[in-house]
Amino acid sequence: MLDLGVNIAIGLSMVVVLITFILGMVAFGQNGAAASARLNRLMAWRVRTQLIAIVVLAVGMLIKAQA
């Protein structure tokens, strides 16, 4: 049961990174100062979500290694 929870957490974290990446790419295609500010904000969120996904993946690997 714990394996399933770890897999779900890893999958969700990866999906969140993908969503922020796609939103950033959409913002990249727009022009203007507001779009530039939105792009910077979205790319900062992408970096944060990637860090969280890496931590979730590492913790998940540790949990699976101990099981």
PDB file of N, CA and C in Angstrom:
ATOM      1  N   MET A   1       0.822  -1.189   0.000  1.00  0.00           N
ATOM      2  CA  MET A   1       0.000   0.000   0.000  1.00  0.00           C
ATOM      3  C   MET A   1       0.866   1.253   0.000  1.00  0.00           C
ATOM      4  N   LEU A   2       1.979   1.206   0.717  1.00  0.00           N
ATOM      5  CA  LEU A   2       2.893   2.350   0.768  1.00  0.00           C
ATOM      6  C   LEU A   2       3.521   2.596  -0.596  1.00  0.00           C
ATOM      7  N   ASP A   3       3.809   1.511  -1.326  1.00  0.00           N
ATOM      8  CA  ASP A   3       4.366   1.645  -2.679  1.00  0.00           C
ATOM      9  C   ASP A   3       3.432   2.438  -3.590  1.00  0.00           C
ATOM     10  N   LEU A   4       2.149   2.175  -3.476  1.00  0.00           N
ATOM     11  CA  LEU A   4       1.175   2.878  -4.301  1.00  0.00           C
ATOM     12  C   LEU A   4       1.161   4.366  -3.970  1.00  0.00           C
ATOM     13  N   GLY A   5       1.223   4.699  -2.696  1.00  0.00           N
ATOM     14  CA  GLY A   5       1.255   6.097  -2.281  1.00  0.00           C
ATOM     15  C   GLY A   5       2.500   6.811  -2.768  1.00  0.00           C
ATOM     16  N   VAL A   6       3.627   6.123  -2.730  1.00  0.00           N
ATOM     17  CA  VAL A   6       4.886   6.701  -3.213  1.00  0.00           C
ATOM     18  C   VAL A   6       4.799   6.929  -4.718  1.00  0.00           C
ATOM     19  N   ASN A   7       4.273   5.947  -5.441  1.00  0.00           N
ATOM     20  CA  ASN A   7       4.129   6.091  -6.889  1.00  0.00           C
ATOM     21  C   ASN A   7       3.203   7.247  -7.250  1.00  0.00           C
ATOM     22  N   ILE A   8       2.112   7.397  -6.510  1.00  0.00           N
ATOM     23  CA  ILE A   8       1.180   8.492  -6.766  1.00  0.00           C
ATOM     24  C   ILE A   8       1.846   9.836  -6.490  1.00  0.00           C
ATOM     25  N   ALA A   9       2.586   9.940  -5.386  1.00  0.00           N
ATOM     26  CA  ALA A   9       3.267  11.193  -5.048  1.00  0.00           C
ATOM     27  C   ALA A   9       4.300  11.566  -6.118  1.00  0.00           C
ATOM     28  N   ILE A  10       5.043  10.597  -6.588  1.00  0.00           N
ATOM     29  CA  ILE A  10       6.034  10.847  -7.635  1.00  0.00           C
ATOM     30  C   ILE A  10       5.336  11.269  -8.928  1.00  0.00           C
ATOM     31  N   GLY A  11       4.289  10.569  -9.300  1.00  0.00           N
ATOM     32  CA  GLY A  11       3.552  10.903 -10.513  1.00  0.00           C
ATOM     33  C   GLY A  11       2.939  12.291 -10.451  1.00  0.00           C
ATOM     34  N   LEU A  12       2.326  12.629  -9.328  1.00  0.00           N
ATOM     35  CA  LEU A  12       1.722  13.952  -9.178  1.00  0.00           C
ATOM     36  C   LEU A  12       2.757  15.067  -9.241  1.00  0.00           C
ATOM     37  N   SER A  13       3.897  14.841  -8.608  1.00  0.00           N
ATOM     38  CA  SER A  13       4.931  15.875  -8.641  1.00  0.00           C
ATOM     39  C   SER A  13       5.448  16.081 -10.065  1.00  0.00           C
ATOM     40  N   MET A  14       5.558  15.017 -10.831  1.00  0.00           N
ATOM     41  CA  MET A  14       6.006  15.138 -12.215  1.00  0.00           C
ATOM     42  C   MET A  14       4.955  15.844 -13.082  1.00  0.00           C
ATOM     43  N   VAL A  15       3.688  15.565 -12.836  1.00  0.00           N
ATOM     44  CA  VAL A  15       2.612  16.217 -13.584  1.00  0.00           C
ATOM     45  C   VAL A  15       2.595  17.719 -13.291  1.00  0.00           C
ATOM     46  N   VAL A  16       2.805  18.094 -12.036  1.00  0.00           N
ATOM     47  CA  VAL A  16       2.838  19.516 -11.675  1.00  0.00           C
ATOM     48  C   VAL A  16       3.988  20.213 -12.390  1.00  0.00           C
ATOM     49  N   VAL A  17       5.148  19.578 -12.460  1.00  0.00           N
ATOM     50  CA  VAL A  17       6.283  20.160 -13.186  1.00  0.00           C
ATOM     51  C   VAL A  17       5.922  20.321 -14.660  1.00  0.00           C
ATOM     52  N   LEU A  18       5.308  19.322 -15.247  1.00  0.00           N
ATOM     53  CA  LEU A  18       4.917  19.391 -16.657  1.00  0.00           C
ATOM     54  C   LEU A  18       3.924  20.527 -16.903  1.00  0.00           C
ATOM     55  N   ILE A  19       2.955  20.679 -16.009  1.00  0.00           N
ATOM     56  CA  ILE A  19       1.966  21.751 -16.162  1.00  0.00           C
ATOM     57  C   ILE A  19       2.630  23.118 -16.084  1.00  0.00           C
ATOM     58  N   THR A  20       3.517  23.322 -15.113  1.00  0.00           N
ATOM     59  CA  THR A  20       4.187  24.622 -15.009  1.00  0.00           C
ATOM     60  C   THR A  20       5.083  24.868 -16.223  1.00  0.00           C
ATOM     61  N   PHE A  21       5.679  23.822 -16.756  1.00  0.00           N
ATOM     62  CA  PHE A  21       6.502  23.968 -17.955  1.00  0.00           C
ATOM     63  C   PHE A  21       5.650  24.396 -19.146  1.00  0.00           C
ATOM     64  N   ILE A  22       4.512  23.750 -19.324  1.00  0.00           N
ATOM     65  CA  ILE A  22       3.629  24.081 -20.442  1.00  0.00           C
ATOM     66  C   ILE A  22       3.096  25.505 -20.302  1.00  0.00           C
ATOM     67  N   LEU A  23       2.687  25.887 -19.101  1.00  0.00           N
ATOM     68  CA  LEU A  23       2.215  27.256 -18.887  1.00  0.00           C
ATOM     69  C   LEU A  23       3.316  28.268 -19.186  1.00  0.00           C
ATOM     70  N   GLY A  24       4.547  27.944 -18.829  1.00  0.00           N
ATOM     71  CA  GLY A  24       5.669  28.823 -19.130  1.00  0.00           C
ATOM     72  C   GLY A  24       5.913  28.941 -20.623  1.00  0.00           C
ATOM     73  N   MET A  25       5.759  27.847 -21.343  1.00  0.00           N
ATOM     74  CA  MET A  25       5.947  27.903 -22.789  1.00  0.00           C
ATOM     75  C   MET A  25       4.853  28.734 -23.466  1.00  0.00           C
ATOM     76  N   VAL A  26       3.641  28.644 -22.962  1.00  0.00           N
ATOM     77  CA  VAL A  26       2.550  29.470 -23.490  1.00  0.00           C
ATOM     78  C   VAL A  26       2.853  30.943 -23.227  1.00  0.00           C
ATOM     79  N   ALA A  27       3.312  31.262 -22.025  1.00  0.00           N
ATOM     80  CA  ALA A  27       3.652  32.643 -21.685  1.00  0.00           C
ATOM     81  C   ALA A  27       4.828  33.131 -22.524  1.00  0.00           C
ATOM     82  N   PHE A  28       5.724  32.236 -22.886  1.00  0.00           N
ATOM     83  CA  PHE A  28       6.884  32.597 -23.699  1.00  0.00           C
ATOM     84  C   PHE A  28       6.466  33.090 -25.076  1.00  0.00           C
ATOM     85  N   GLY A  29       5.358  32.595 -25.566  1.00  0.00           N
ATOM     86  CA  GLY A  29       4.882  32.977 -26.892  1.00  0.00           C
ATOM     87  C   GLY A  29       4.148  34.306 -26.925  1.00  0.00           C
ATOM     88  N   GLN A  30       3.951  34.923 -25.779  1.00  0.00           N
ATOM     89  CA  GLN A  30       3.227  36.189 -25.728  1.00  0.00           C
ATOM     90  C   GLN A  30       4.205  37.351 -25.657  1.00  0.00           C
ATOM     91  N   ASN A  31       3.738  38.528 -26.055  1.00  0.00           N
ATOM     92  CA  ASN A  31       4.572  39.725 -26.044  1.00  0.00           C
ATOM     93  C   ASN A  31       4.082  40.699 -24.980  1.00  0.00           C
ATOM     94  N   GLY A  32       4.978  41.604 -24.572  1.00  0.00           N
ATOM     95  CA  GLY A  32       4.600  42.654 -23.641  1.00  0.00           C
ATOM     96  C   GLY A  32       5.286  42.502 -22.303  1.00  0.00           C
ATOM     97  N   ALA A  33       5.235  43.591 -21.538  1.00  0.00           N
ATOM     98  CA  ALA A  33       5.890  43.601 -20.227  1.00  0.00           C
ATOM     99  C   ALA A  33       5.180  42.680 -19.250  1.00  0.00           C
ATOM    100  N   ALA A  34       3.852  42.657 -19.295  1.00  0.00           N
ATOM    101  CA  ALA A  34       3.094  41.793 -18.389  1.00  0.00           C
ATOM    102  C   ALA A  34       3.382  40.320 -18.684  1.00  0.00           C
ATOM    103  N   ALA A  35       3.481  39.989 -19.955  1.00  0.00           N
ATOM    104  CA  ALA A  35       3.781  38.601 -20.335  1.00  0.00           C
ATOM    105  C   ALA A  35       5.182  38.216 -19.888  1.00  0.00           C
ATOM    106  N   SER A  36       6.103  39.157 -19.970  1.00  0.00           N
ATOM    107  CA  SER A  36       7.480  38.889 -19.536  1.00  0.00           C
ATOM    108  C   SER A  36       7.535  38.631 -18.035  1.00  0.00           C
ATOM    109  N   ALA A  37       6.799  39.434 -17.287  1.00  0.00           N
ATOM    110  CA  ALA A  37       6.758  39.235 -15.828  1.00  0.00           C
ATOM    111  C   ALA A  37       6.113  37.895 -15.490  1.00  0.00           C
ATOM    112  N   ARG A  38       5.037  37.544 -16.212  1.00  0.00           N
ATOM    113  CA  ARG A  38       4.367  36.262 -15.984  1.00  0.00           C
ATOM    114  C   ARG A  38       5.290  35.097 -16.329  1.00  0.00           C
ATOM    115  N   LEU A  39       6.054  35.253 -17.421  1.00  0.00           N
ATOM    116  CA  LEU A  39       7.001  34.211 -17.819  1.00  0.00           C
ATOM    117  C   LEU A  39       8.045  33.989 -16.733  1.00  0.00           C
ATOM    118  N   ASN A  40       8.595  35.068 -16.206  1.00  0.00           N
ATOM    119  CA  ASN A  40       9.597  34.940 -15.145  1.00  0.00           C
ATOM    120  C   ASN A  40       9.019  34.264 -13.908  1.00  0.00           C
ATOM    121  N   ARG A  41       7.797  34.635 -13.553  1.00  0.00           N
ATOM    122  CA  ARG A  41       7.146  34.041 -12.386  1.00  0.00           C
ATOM    123  C   ARG A  41       6.897  32.548 -12.608  1.00  0.00           C
ATOM    124  N   LEU A  42       6.424  32.189 -13.806  1.00  0.00           N
ATOM    125  CA  LEU A  42       6.148  30.778 -14.096  1.00  0.00           C
ATOM    126  C   LEU A  42       7.428  29.947 -14.141  1.00  0.00           C
ATOM    127  N   MET A  43       8.485  30.496 -14.672  1.00  0.00           N
ATOM    128  CA  MET A  43       9.740  29.751 -14.725  1.00  0.00           C
ATOM    129  C   MET A  43      10.329  29.571 -13.319  1.00  0.00           C
ATOM    130  N   ALA A  44      10.124  30.569 -12.459  1.00  0.00           N
ATOM    131  CA  ALA A  44      10.558  30.410 -11.062  1.00  0.00           C
ATOM    132  C   ALA A  44       9.755  29.301 -10.391  1.00  0.00           C
ATOM    133  N   TRP A  45       8.455  29.254 -10.657  1.00  0.00           N
ATOM    134  CA  TRP A  45       7.632  28.174 -10.113  1.00  0.00           C
ATOM    135  C   TRP A  45       8.058  26.822 -10.658  1.00  0.00           C
ATOM    136  N   ARG A  46       8.450  26.775 -11.940  1.00  0.00           N
ATOM    137  CA  ARG A  46       8.910  25.516 -12.526  1.00  0.00           C
ATOM    138  C   ARG A  46      10.145  25.007 -11.802  1.00  0.00           C
ATOM    139  N   VAL A  47      11.068  25.910 -11.504  1.00  0.00           N
ATOM    140  CA  VAL A  47      12.283  25.501 -10.790  1.00  0.00           C
ATOM    141  C   VAL A  47      11.928  24.975  -9.401  1.00  0.00           C
ATOM    142  N   ARG A  48      11.010  25.650  -8.735  1.00  0.00           N
ATOM    143  CA  ARG A  48      10.593  25.187  -7.399  1.00  0.00           C
ATOM    144  C   ARG A  48       9.920  23.823  -7.467  1.00  0.00           C
ATOM    145  N   THR A  49       9.033  23.652  -8.448  1.00  0.00           N
ATOM    146  CA  THR A  49       8.349  22.364  -8.544  1.00  0.00           C
ATOM    147  C   THR A  49       9.311  21.246  -8.935  1.00  0.00           C
ATOM    148  N   GLN A  50      10.329  21.573  -9.723  1.00  0.00           N
ATOM    149  CA  GLN A  50      11.341  20.563 -10.050  1.00  0.00           C
ATOM    150  C   GLN A  50      12.117  20.155  -8.806  1.00  0.00           C
ATOM    151  N   LEU A  51      12.444  21.113  -7.962  1.00  0.00           N
ATOM    152  CA  LEU A  51      13.152  20.795  -6.719  1.00  0.00           C
ATOM    153  C   LEU A  51      12.291  19.890  -5.845  1.00  0.00           C
ATOM    154  N   ILE A  52      11.021  20.227  -5.722  1.00  0.00           N
ATOM    155  CA  ILE A  52      10.115  19.399  -4.923  1.00  0.00           C
ATOM    156  C   ILE A  52       9.996  18.002  -5.523  1.00  0.00           C
ATOM    157  N   ALA A  53       9.904  17.912  -6.850  1.00  0.00           N
ATOM    158  CA  ALA A  53       9.801  16.604  -7.506  1.00  0.00           C
ATOM    159  C   ALA A  53      11.053  15.768  -7.264  1.00  0.00           C
ATOM    160  N   ILE A  54      12.212  16.390  -7.279  1.00  0.00           N
ATOM    161  CA  ILE A  54      13.461  15.661  -7.019  1.00  0.00           C
ATOM    162  C   ILE A  54      13.481  15.139  -5.591  1.00  0.00           C
ATOM    163  N   VAL A  55      13.044  15.963  -4.644  1.00  0.00           N
ATOM    164  CA  VAL A  55      13.001  15.529  -3.241  1.00  0.00           C
ATOM    165  C   VAL A  55      12.007  14.385  -3.071  1.00  0.00           C
ATOM    166  N   VAL A  56      10.831  14.518  -3.681  1.00  0.00           N
ATOM    167  CA  VAL A  56       9.825  13.446  -3.595  1.00  0.00           C
ATOM    168  C   VAL A  56      10.372  12.160  -4.203  1.00  0.00           C
ATOM    169  N   LEU A  57      11.052  12.262  -5.338  1.00  0.00           N
ATOM    170  CA  LEU A  57      11.626  11.082  -5.983  1.00  0.00           C
ATOM    171  C   LEU A  57      12.693  10.446  -5.105  1.00  0.00           C
ATOM    172  N   ALA A  58      13.558  11.255  -4.503  1.00  0.00           N
ATOM    173  CA  ALA A  58      14.625  10.721  -3.651  1.00  0.00           C
ATOM    174  C   ALA A  58      14.043  10.045  -2.410  1.00  0.00           C
ATOM    175  N   VAL A  59      13.075  10.683  -1.780  1.00  0.00           N
ATOM    176  CA  VAL A  59      12.440  10.076  -0.610  1.00  0.00           C
ATOM    177  C   VAL A  59      11.711   8.798  -1.006  1.00  0.00           C
ATOM    178  N   GLY A  60      11.050   8.815  -2.137  1.00  0.00           N
ATOM    179  CA  GLY A  60      10.369   7.624  -2.620  1.00  0.00           C
ATOM    180  C   GLY A  60      11.330   6.476  -2.861  1.00  0.00           C
ATOM    181  N   MET A  61      12.489   6.786  -3.417  1.00  0.00           N
ATOM    182  CA  MET A  61      13.489   5.742  -3.654  1.00  0.00           C
ATOM    183  C   MET A  61      14.000   5.174  -2.330  1.00  0.00           C
ATOM    184  N   LEU A  62      14.192   6.040  -1.345  1.00  0.00           N
ATOM    185  CA  LEU A  62      14.630   5.564  -0.025  1.00  0.00           C
ATOM    186  C   LEU A  62      13.584   4.665   0.614  1.00  0.00           C
ATOM    187  N   ILE A  63      12.326   5.063   0.509  1.00  0.00           N
ATOM    188  CA  ILE A  63      11.245   4.250   1.083  1.00  0.00           C
ATOM    189  C   ILE A  63      11.170   2.896   0.384  1.00  0.00           C
ATOM    190  N   LYS A  64      11.272   2.905  -0.945  1.00  0.00           N
ATOM    191  CA  LYS A  64      11.192   1.646  -1.683  1.00  0.00           C
ATOM    192  C   LYS A  64      12.403   0.756  -1.411  1.00  0.00           C
ATOM    193  N   ALA A  65      13.557   1.346  -1.176  1.00  0.00           N
ATOM    194  CA  ALA A  65      14.758   0.557  -0.900  1.00  0.00           C
ATOM    195  C   ALA A  65      14.664  -0.137   0.457  1.00  0.00           C
ATOM    196  N   GLN A  66      13.960   0.477   1.388  1.00  0.00           N
ATOM    197  CA  GLN A  66      13.832  -0.117   2.724  1.00  0.00           C
ATOM    198  C   GLN A  66      12.735  -1.159   2.802  1.00  0.00           C
ATOM    199  N   ALA A  67      11.843  -1.161   1.825  1.00  0.00           N
ATOM    200  CA  ALA A  67      10.711  -2.101   1.859  1.00  0.00           C
ATOM    201  C   ALA A  67      11.119  -3.471   1.398  1.00  0.00           C
TER     202      ALA A  67
END
